[in-house]
Amino acid sequence: MGEDLDAFLRALPKAELHLHIEGTLEPELAFELARRHGVRLAYPDAAALRAAYDFDDLQSFLDLYYAGTAVLRTEQDFYDLTWAYLGRARADGVRHVEVFFDPQTHTERGVPFEVPLDGIDAALRRGEREWGLTSRLILCFLRHRPEAAAFETLAQALPHRGRIHGVGLDSAERGNPPARFARVFARARAEGFLPVAHAGEEGPAAYVREALDLLRVRRVDHGVRCEEDPALVERLVRERIPLTVCPLSNLKLKVVPDLAAHNVLRLLHRGLCVTVNSDDPAYFGGYVADNFVALRRALGLTRADAVALARNSFEAAFLEPAARAAHLAALAAFAEAPAAQASGGFER
């Protein structure tokens, strides 16, 4: 029975809304790119690098994450990275993806802004053209850097408003509250970018409030610590603010001691618009369907729970109304189909 449900979870049509493209860099691709550029990595092989993915907290992950980006240098590198992710997403039933990228991570080491943008965008466009897998691109400001650096990145993004749909806030949360970036988010909103922000992962529930009140975000990325503030939880339910939750990430970074202690289903059952995503799947042990399967095993995720989470993902996505309606109709048809039909990937 569990295997049948696992197959359903993997094939279930869904959107992924919390995915850092740099965090999809699998060790094997990292070594391939290192050979391409004559870069020497600090590990002898892919297995040794994968074994290093044992983190104490968010910062210990970020240290390795930023070091890994040294192999990403050309448009082709970013294209290959994105195309590899899209193939995995498609196999996981993803019909729409909203991809984060960190321009500052690359521009600060001399890679022009357009290099990652062009490579990522080309792969996303191919994914839609060949597979019907639609996408949005969201640039993230690094919160451990000053707001002035975020303003510089926003200025670089302005000529590309047709390809970049939103702005986000990521990197080390502790000691870097959303309030520090209120002005740059105000400017980004005025320029037409849709705002989201990481908050309430390692930072407190107060950071979620700041993201809502000061950054005026449309979605909260993570947000699992919202339960520290019951009034905040009530507000999230009332205003239908989506949370893009990443269970395996929270486990790997010790936000929760065990997946059985995760609050994602509790939040879902309380009426929050919770979604399930993979965050940085190459580092955290699983892509989006792996997160669904892990929740089934640890928390008893049911078929109805999974359909509700998938429905939330399309409702929370930055989709045009007609596209959203089409995705929801496809999801409903899939969920109502006999079990024998609800298997496999999707074809255009």
Protein backbone atom coordinates (compact mmCIF):
# COMPACT_ATOMS: atom_id res chain seq x y z
CA MET A 1 0.00 0.00 0.00
CA GLY A 2 2.84 2.38 0.88
CA GLU A 3 4.53 1.74 -2.46
CA ASP A 4 1.29 2.52 -4.30
CA LEU A 5 0.94 5.80 -2.38
CA ASP A 6 4.59 6.64 -3.02
CA ALA A 7 4.01 6.21 -6.77
CA PHE A 8 0.95 8.46 -6.50
CA LEU A 9 2.97 11.10 -4.63
CA ARG A 10 5.70 11.10 -7.26
CA ALA A 11 3.28 11.40 -10.17
CA LEU A 12 0.98 13.91 -8.46
CA PRO A 13 0.84 17.17 -10.49
CA LYS A 14 2.42 19.89 -8.40
CA ALA A 15 4.23 23.22 -8.47
CA GLU A 16 7.58 23.77 -6.80
CA LEU A 17 7.90 27.27 -5.35
CA HIS A 18 11.01 27.11 -3.16
CA LEU A 19 13.98 25.90 -5.19
CA HIS A 20 17.46 27.44 -5.29
CA ILE A 21 18.96 26.52 -8.63
CA GLU A 22 22.49 26.67 -7.22
CA GLY A 23 21.32 24.16 -4.62
CA THR A 24 20.64 21.57 -7.33
CA LEU A 25 24.37 21.20 -8.07
CA GLU A 26 24.90 17.47 -7.65
CA PRO A 27 28.47 16.37 -6.82
CA GLU A 28 28.81 14.57 -10.15
CA LEU A 29 27.97 17.72 -12.10
CA ALA A 30 30.25 19.77 -9.83
CA PHE A 31 33.18 17.56 -10.79
CA GLU A 32 32.20 17.66 -14.47
CA LEU A 33 32.20 21.47 -14.40
CA ALA A 34 35.44 21.54 -12.40
CA ARG A 35 37.10 19.48 -15.15
CA ARG A 36 35.59 21.80 -17.76
CA HIS A 37 37.29 24.81 -16.17
CA GLY A 38 40.41 23.25 -14.68
CA VAL A 39 39.20 23.92 -11.13
CA ARG A 40 40.51 21.77 -8.29
CA LEU A 41 37.86 20.89 -5.72
CA ALA A 42 38.63 20.28 -2.07
CA TYR A 43 37.40 16.67 -2.27
CA PRO A 44 38.90 13.74 -4.21
CA ASP A 45 35.66 12.58 -5.83
CA ALA A 46 31.88 12.97 -5.90
CA ALA A 47 31.34 10.41 -3.15
CA ALA A 48 33.63 12.30 -0.77
CA LEU A 49 31.89 15.57 -1.55
CA ARG A 50 28.48 14.03 -0.95
CA ALA A 51 29.71 12.67 2.38
CA ALA A 52 30.53 16.26 3.41
CA TYR A 53 26.82 17.14 3.28
CA ASP A 54 26.44 16.69 7.04
CA PHE A 55 25.53 20.09 8.42
CA ASP A 56 25.24 21.49 11.94
CA ASP A 57 23.05 24.44 10.95
CA LEU A 58 22.23 26.81 8.12
CA GLN A 59 25.63 28.54 8.20
CA SER A 60 27.60 25.30 7.90
CA PHE A 61 25.56 24.48 4.81
CA LEU A 62 26.03 27.95 3.33
CA ASP A 63 29.81 27.70 3.70
CA LEU A 64 29.87 24.62 1.47
CA TYR A 65 27.13 25.94 -0.81
CA TYR A 66 29.00 29.14 -1.65
CA ALA A 67 32.27 27.25 -2.14
CA GLY A 68 30.53 24.96 -4.63
CA THR A 69 29.48 27.84 -6.86
CA ALA A 70 33.13 28.31 -7.90
CA VAL A 71 32.55 25.83 -10.73
CA LEU A 72 29.66 27.85 -12.17
CA ARG A 73 31.34 30.25 -14.58
CA THR A 74 29.69 30.32 -17.98
CA GLU A 75 26.24 30.51 -19.48
CA GLN A 76 26.58 26.85 -20.47
CA ASP A 77 27.28 25.89 -16.85
CA PHE A 78 24.07 27.51 -15.64
CA TYR A 79 22.15 26.03 -18.56
CA ASP A 80 23.41 22.53 -17.76
CA LEU A 81 22.62 23.00 -14.07
CA THR A 82 19.07 24.17 -14.76
CA TRP A 83 18.33 21.57 -17.43
CA ALA A 84 19.43 18.76 -15.09
CA TYR A 85 17.07 20.06 -12.40
CA LEU A 86 14.15 20.35 -14.82
CA GLY A 87 14.54 16.73 -15.83
CA ARG A 88 14.29 15.64 -12.19
CA ALA A 89 11.37 17.99 -11.56
CA ARG A 90 9.46 16.62 -14.54
CA ALA A 91 9.96 13.07 -13.25
CA ASP A 92 8.53 14.25 -9.91
CA GLY A 93 5.27 15.48 -11.43
CA VAL A 94 6.23 19.17 -11.35
CA ARG A 95 4.17 21.14 -13.87
CA HIS A 96 5.29 24.64 -12.82
CA VAL A 97 8.42 25.79 -11.01
CA GLU A 98 9.49 29.11 -9.54
CA VAL A 99 13.27 29.18 -9.41
CA PHE A 100 15.45 31.25 -7.08
CA PHE A 101 18.91 32.36 -8.14
CA ASP A 102 21.54 34.35 -6.24
CA PRO A 103 23.12 36.90 -8.60
CA GLN A 104 25.39 38.37 -5.91
CA THR A 105 27.04 35.00 -5.33
CA HIS A 106 28.26 35.17 -8.92
CA THR A 107 28.79 38.88 -9.59
CA GLU A 108 30.94 39.18 -6.45
CA ARG A 109 33.38 36.67 -7.95
CA GLY A 110 33.50 38.40 -11.33
CA VAL A 111 30.75 36.60 -13.24
CA PRO A 112 28.58 39.16 -15.07
CA PHE A 113 24.90 39.32 -14.04
CA GLU A 114 23.71 38.22 -17.48
CA VAL A 115 25.73 34.98 -17.46
CA PRO A 116 23.61 33.08 -14.92
CA LEU A 117 20.46 34.80 -16.10
CA ASP A 118 20.94 33.82 -19.75
CA GLY A 119 21.86 30.22 -18.96
CA ILE A 120 19.01 29.65 -16.51
CA ASP A 121 16.48 31.40 -18.74
CA ALA A 122 17.45 29.40 -21.82
CA ALA A 123 16.91 26.11 -19.99
CA LEU A 124 13.60 27.28 -18.52
CA ARG A 125 12.36 28.30 -21.95
CA ARG A 126 13.35 24.93 -23.39
CA GLY A 127 11.51 23.18 -20.55
CA GLU A 128 8.32 25.01 -21.42
CA ARG A 129 8.78 24.57 -25.16
CA GLU A 130 9.49 20.84 -25.09
CA TRP A 131 7.65 19.66 -21.96
CA GLY A 132 5.06 22.34 -21.16
CA LEU A 133 6.81 22.84 -17.79
CA THR A 134 6.16 26.52 -17.05
CA SER A 135 8.35 28.64 -14.81
CA ARG A 136 9.04 31.95 -13.12
CA LEU A 137 12.47 33.29 -12.11
CA ILE A 138 13.06 35.04 -8.78
CA LEU A 139 16.32 36.74 -7.88
CA CYS A 140 17.29 36.66 -4.21
CA PHE A 141 19.16 39.33 -2.29
CA LEU A 142 21.77 37.95 0.11
CA ARG A 143 20.73 39.08 3.58
CA HIS A 144 24.24 38.77 5.05
CA ARG A 145 25.36 41.52 2.66
CA PRO A 146 24.39 45.20 3.11
CA GLU A 147 21.24 46.62 1.59
CA ALA A 148 23.39 48.80 -0.68
CA ALA A 149 24.59 45.63 -2.41
CA ALA A 150 20.97 44.56 -2.90
CA PHE A 151 20.22 47.92 -4.53
CA GLU A 152 23.12 47.34 -6.94
CA THR A 153 21.73 43.93 -7.84
CA LEU A 154 18.26 45.37 -8.36
CA ALA A 155 19.70 47.97 -10.73
CA GLN A 156 21.33 45.16 -12.73
CA ALA A 157 17.99 43.35 -12.89
CA LEU A 158 15.91 46.26 -14.16
CA PRO A 159 16.76 45.80 -17.86
CA HIS A 160 15.58 42.18 -17.57
CA ARG A 161 12.12 42.66 -16.06
CA GLY A 162 10.62 40.53 -18.81
CA ARG A 163 12.58 37.51 -17.62
CA ILE A 164 12.77 38.05 -13.84
CA HIS A 165 9.40 37.99 -12.12
CA GLY A 166 10.17 38.45 -8.44
CA VAL A 167 12.65 39.26 -5.71
CA GLY A 168 13.42 37.24 -2.61
CA LEU A 169 15.63 37.32 0.46
CA ASP A 170 17.83 34.38 1.44
CA SER A 171 21.15 33.35 3.06
CA ALA A 172 21.96 33.47 6.79
CA GLU A 173 18.81 34.45 8.68
CA ARG A 174 20.11 34.84 12.23
CA GLY A 175 20.90 38.47 12.96
CA ASN A 176 19.72 39.60 9.52
CA PRO A 177 16.06 40.60 9.94
CA PRO A 178 13.86 41.50 6.98
CA ALA A 179 13.65 45.08 8.26
CA ARG A 180 17.18 45.72 6.96
CA PHE A 181 15.87 45.39 3.40
CA ALA A 182 12.63 47.35 3.56
CA ARG A 183 13.78 50.11 1.22
CA VAL A 184 15.11 47.86 -1.55
CA PHE A 185 11.94 45.77 -1.43
CA ALA A 186 9.84 48.93 -1.71
CA ARG A 187 11.80 49.90 -4.82
CA ALA A 188 11.51 46.39 -6.26
CA ARG A 189 7.74 46.38 -5.73
CA ALA A 190 7.47 49.78 -7.41
CA GLU A 191 9.35 48.35 -10.39
CA GLY A 192 6.85 45.52 -10.70
CA PHE A 193 8.71 42.64 -9.09
CA LEU A 194 6.68 40.25 -6.91
CA PRO A 195 8.13 40.02 -3.37
CA VAL A 196 8.84 36.89 -1.33
CA ALA A 197 11.28 36.31 1.54
CA HIS A 198 12.80 33.59 3.67
CA ALA A 199 11.62 34.07 7.25
CA GLY A 200 10.91 31.92 10.27
CA GLU A 201 13.36 29.12 9.45
CA GLU A 202 16.15 29.75 11.94
CA GLY A 203 14.91 33.26 12.66
CA PRO A 204 11.95 33.85 15.00
CA ALA A 205 8.28 34.32 14.21
CA ALA A 206 8.89 38.06 14.49
CA TYR A 207 10.83 37.85 11.22
CA VAL A 208 7.72 36.49 9.50
CA ARG A 209 5.79 39.53 10.74
CA GLU A 210 8.51 41.84 9.43
CA ALA A 211 8.45 40.14 6.05
CA LEU A 212 4.69 40.67 5.86
CA ASP A 213 4.52 44.21 7.26
CA LEU A 214 7.77 45.77 6.02
CA LEU A 215 8.60 43.84 2.85
CA ARG A 216 4.92 43.21 2.01
CA VAL A 217 5.73 39.75 0.71
CA ARG A 218 3.21 37.68 -1.23
CA ARG A 219 4.64 34.42 0.15
CA VAL A 220 6.80 33.43 3.12
CA ASP A 221 9.58 30.97 2.37
CA HIS A 222 9.84 28.40 5.19
CA GLY A 223 7.83 30.14 7.96
CA VAL A 224 7.75 27.04 10.15
CA ARG A 225 8.43 29.01 13.34
CA CYS A 226 5.19 30.95 12.92
CA GLU A 227 3.66 28.70 15.60
CA GLU A 228 5.62 30.64 18.23
CA ASP A 229 3.04 33.40 17.70
CA PRO A 230 -0.57 32.13 17.73
CA ALA A 231 -1.90 35.49 16.52
CA LEU A 232 0.47 35.29 13.56
CA VAL A 233 -0.83 31.83 12.70
CA GLU A 234 -4.38 33.18 12.75
CA ARG A 235 -3.32 36.01 10.46
CA LEU A 236 -1.64 33.62 8.01
CA VAL A 237 -4.85 31.60 7.85
CA ARG A 238 -7.08 34.67 7.55
CA GLU A 239 -5.00 36.35 4.84
CA ARG A 240 -4.21 33.07 3.08
CA ILE A 241 -0.47 33.82 3.02
CA PRO A 242 1.36 30.83 1.52
CA LEU A 243 4.27 29.15 3.29
CA THR A 244 6.78 27.37 1.06
CA VAL A 245 7.92 24.67 3.48
CA CYS A 246 10.94 22.42 2.86
CA PRO A 247 10.79 19.41 5.22
CA LEU A 248 14.01 17.58 4.29
CA SER A 249 15.89 20.87 4.37
CA ASN A 250 14.55 21.58 7.85
CA LEU A 251 15.68 18.12 8.95
CA LYS A 252 19.13 18.37 7.38
CA LEU A 253 19.78 21.82 8.90
CA LYS A 254 18.44 20.72 12.30
CA VAL A 255 15.51 23.13 12.32
CA VAL A 256 13.65 20.04 13.55
CA PRO A 257 15.32 17.15 15.42
CA ASP A 258 13.34 14.52 13.53
CA LEU A 259 10.94 14.63 10.62
CA ALA A 260 8.26 13.11 12.85
CA ALA A 261 8.42 16.38 14.83
CA HIS A 262 7.81 18.58 11.78
CA ASN A 263 4.75 20.84 11.91
CA VAL A 264 3.93 20.93 8.19
CA LEU A 265 0.83 18.73 8.43
CA ARG A 266 -0.28 20.40 11.64
CA LEU A 267 -0.14 23.75 9.84
CA LEU A 268 -1.96 22.32 6.84
CA HIS A 269 -4.75 20.94 9.01
CA ARG A 270 -5.06 24.30 10.78
CA GLY A 271 -5.95 25.85 7.47
CA LEU A 272 -2.68 27.47 6.37
CA CYS A 273 -1.76 27.56 2.70
CA VAL A 274 1.24 25.26 3.15
CA THR A 275 3.24 23.92 0.20
CA VAL A 276 6.02 21.31 0.07
CA ASN A 277 9.29 22.01 -1.75
CA SER A 278 12.89 20.82 -1.89
CA ASP A 279 14.95 24.02 -1.26
CA ASP A 280 18.52 22.82 -2.10
CA PRO A 281 17.87 19.19 -3.02
CA ALA A 282 21.41 18.20 -4.00
CA TYR A 283 22.54 19.03 -0.46
CA PHE A 284 19.50 17.96 1.54
CA GLY A 285 18.89 14.44 0.29
CA GLY A 286 15.87 14.73 -1.94
CA TYR A 287 13.88 16.50 -4.64
CA VAL A 288 10.26 17.51 -4.19
CA ALA A 289 8.68 14.08 -4.53
CA ASP A 290 11.22 12.72 -2.04
CA ASN A 291 9.88 15.29 0.43
CA PHE A 292 6.32 14.03 -0.09
CA VAL A 293 7.41 10.42 0.37
CA ALA A 294 9.41 11.29 3.49
CA LEU A 295 6.33 12.93 4.99
CA ARG A 296 4.27 9.84 4.23
CA ARG A 297 6.76 7.69 6.12
CA ALA A 298 7.39 10.03 9.06
CA LEU A 299 4.01 11.71 9.53
CA GLY A 300 1.50 9.49 7.80
CA LEU A 301 0.82 11.91 4.95
CA THR A 302 -2.38 10.75 3.28
CA ARG A 303 -3.51 10.95 -0.32
CA ALA A 304 -5.94 13.72 0.67
CA ASP A 305 -3.14 15.63 2.43
CA ALA A 306 -0.95 15.36 -0.66
CA VAL A 307 -3.69 16.61 -2.97
CA ALA A 308 -4.33 19.55 -0.63
CA LEU A 309 -0.62 20.42 -0.64
CA ALA A 310 -0.49 20.20 -4.44
CA ARG A 311 -3.60 22.36 -4.74
CA ASN A 312 -2.00 24.93 -2.45
CA SER A 313 1.12 24.95 -4.63
CA PHE A 314 -0.86 26.01 -7.69
CA GLU A 315 -2.93 28.52 -5.73
CA ALA A 316 0.26 30.08 -4.31
CA ALA A 317 2.13 30.18 -7.63
CA PHE A 318 2.60 33.37 -9.63
CA LEU A 319 0.38 32.12 -12.43
CA GLU A 320 -2.14 33.86 -14.62
CA PRO A 321 -5.73 32.93 -13.64
CA ALA A 322 -6.34 30.80 -16.74
CA ALA A 323 -3.11 28.84 -16.26
CA ARG A 324 -3.89 28.32 -12.58
CA ALA A 325 -7.36 27.05 -13.40
CA ALA A 326 -5.93 24.63 -15.96
CA HIS A 327 -3.42 23.24 -13.47
CA LEU A 328 -6.09 22.84 -10.79
CA ALA A 329 -8.37 21.05 -13.25
CA ALA A 330 -5.55 18.67 -14.21
CA LEU A 331 -4.83 18.02 -10.55
CA ALA A 332 -8.48 17.29 -9.82
CA ALA A 333 -8.69 14.88 -12.75
CA PHE A 334 -5.53 13.10 -11.63
CA ALA A 335 -6.73 12.82 -8.02
CA GLU A 336 -10.07 11.37 -9.12
CA ALA A 337 -8.60 8.86 -11.58
CA PRO A 338 -8.42 5.16 -10.69
CA ALA A 339 -5.16 4.20 -9.02
CA ALA A 340 -4.07 2.27 -12.10
CA GLN A 341 -4.21 5.45 -14.16
CA ALA A 342 -2.55 7.72 -11.59
CA SER A 343 1.01 6.69 -12.25
CA GLY A 344 3.99 7.77 -14.26
CA GLY A 345 5.14 11.22 -15.33
CA PHE A 346 3.30 13.59 -17.59
CA GLU A 347 3.46 14.22 -21.25
CA ARG A 348 2.72 17.45 -22.97
